[in-house]
Amino acid sequence: QLQLVESGGGLVQPGGSLRLSCAASGFTLDYYAIGWFRQAPGKEREGVSCISSSGGSTNYLDSVKGRFTISRDNAKNTVYLEMNSLKPEDTAVYYCAADPLSTVHSMCVMGSGDYWGQGTQVTVSS
C-alpha cells in the first residue's frame, strides 16, 4: 500500500519548536518533490514549504521564512519540517504530499500531489 504518514505534531507553547516527519511506505520518495501544507479551521489549505527531489531547491511561505526548515533524508525515505519560534497562528493540521512532476514553487502554490498523508495536528498555545 502506497502511503505517507506524518508524525511529530502536538501542543507547544508560543516560541517553542516541533519537528514534523513525513515517512513514505510502499514507494521511494527519491523522485518526488515533497510539500508540507497546513489547514486551520475555517481557512483554506496553504503550502508551507516544498522541497525538490534532490533537496537542492526549496520554497517557503513568507510567514514561516526564517523559522521553518524543510529537509529530506532519502536514505530514510523521510522528509522533515523543523519548526522554530512557533506562533499561535501556526496552529493547524499539517499534511505532507508527494508530487513527481511539479517544481517546488508550483507545488506549494497549487497544492498538487499524487499522494497525501492523513495529517498531524499542531497546536501553539499557552
Foldseek 3Di string as FASTA:
>chain_A
DWAKAKDWADEAAQQAKIKIKIAIPPDFQLQWKKWKWWDDPPGDIATAKIAGSVRPDMDGDPVQPPFWDWGDDRVRSMIMIIGGSDDQVVWTWMKMAIDRDDDGVCCRHVVDHPHMYPTDTHGYHD
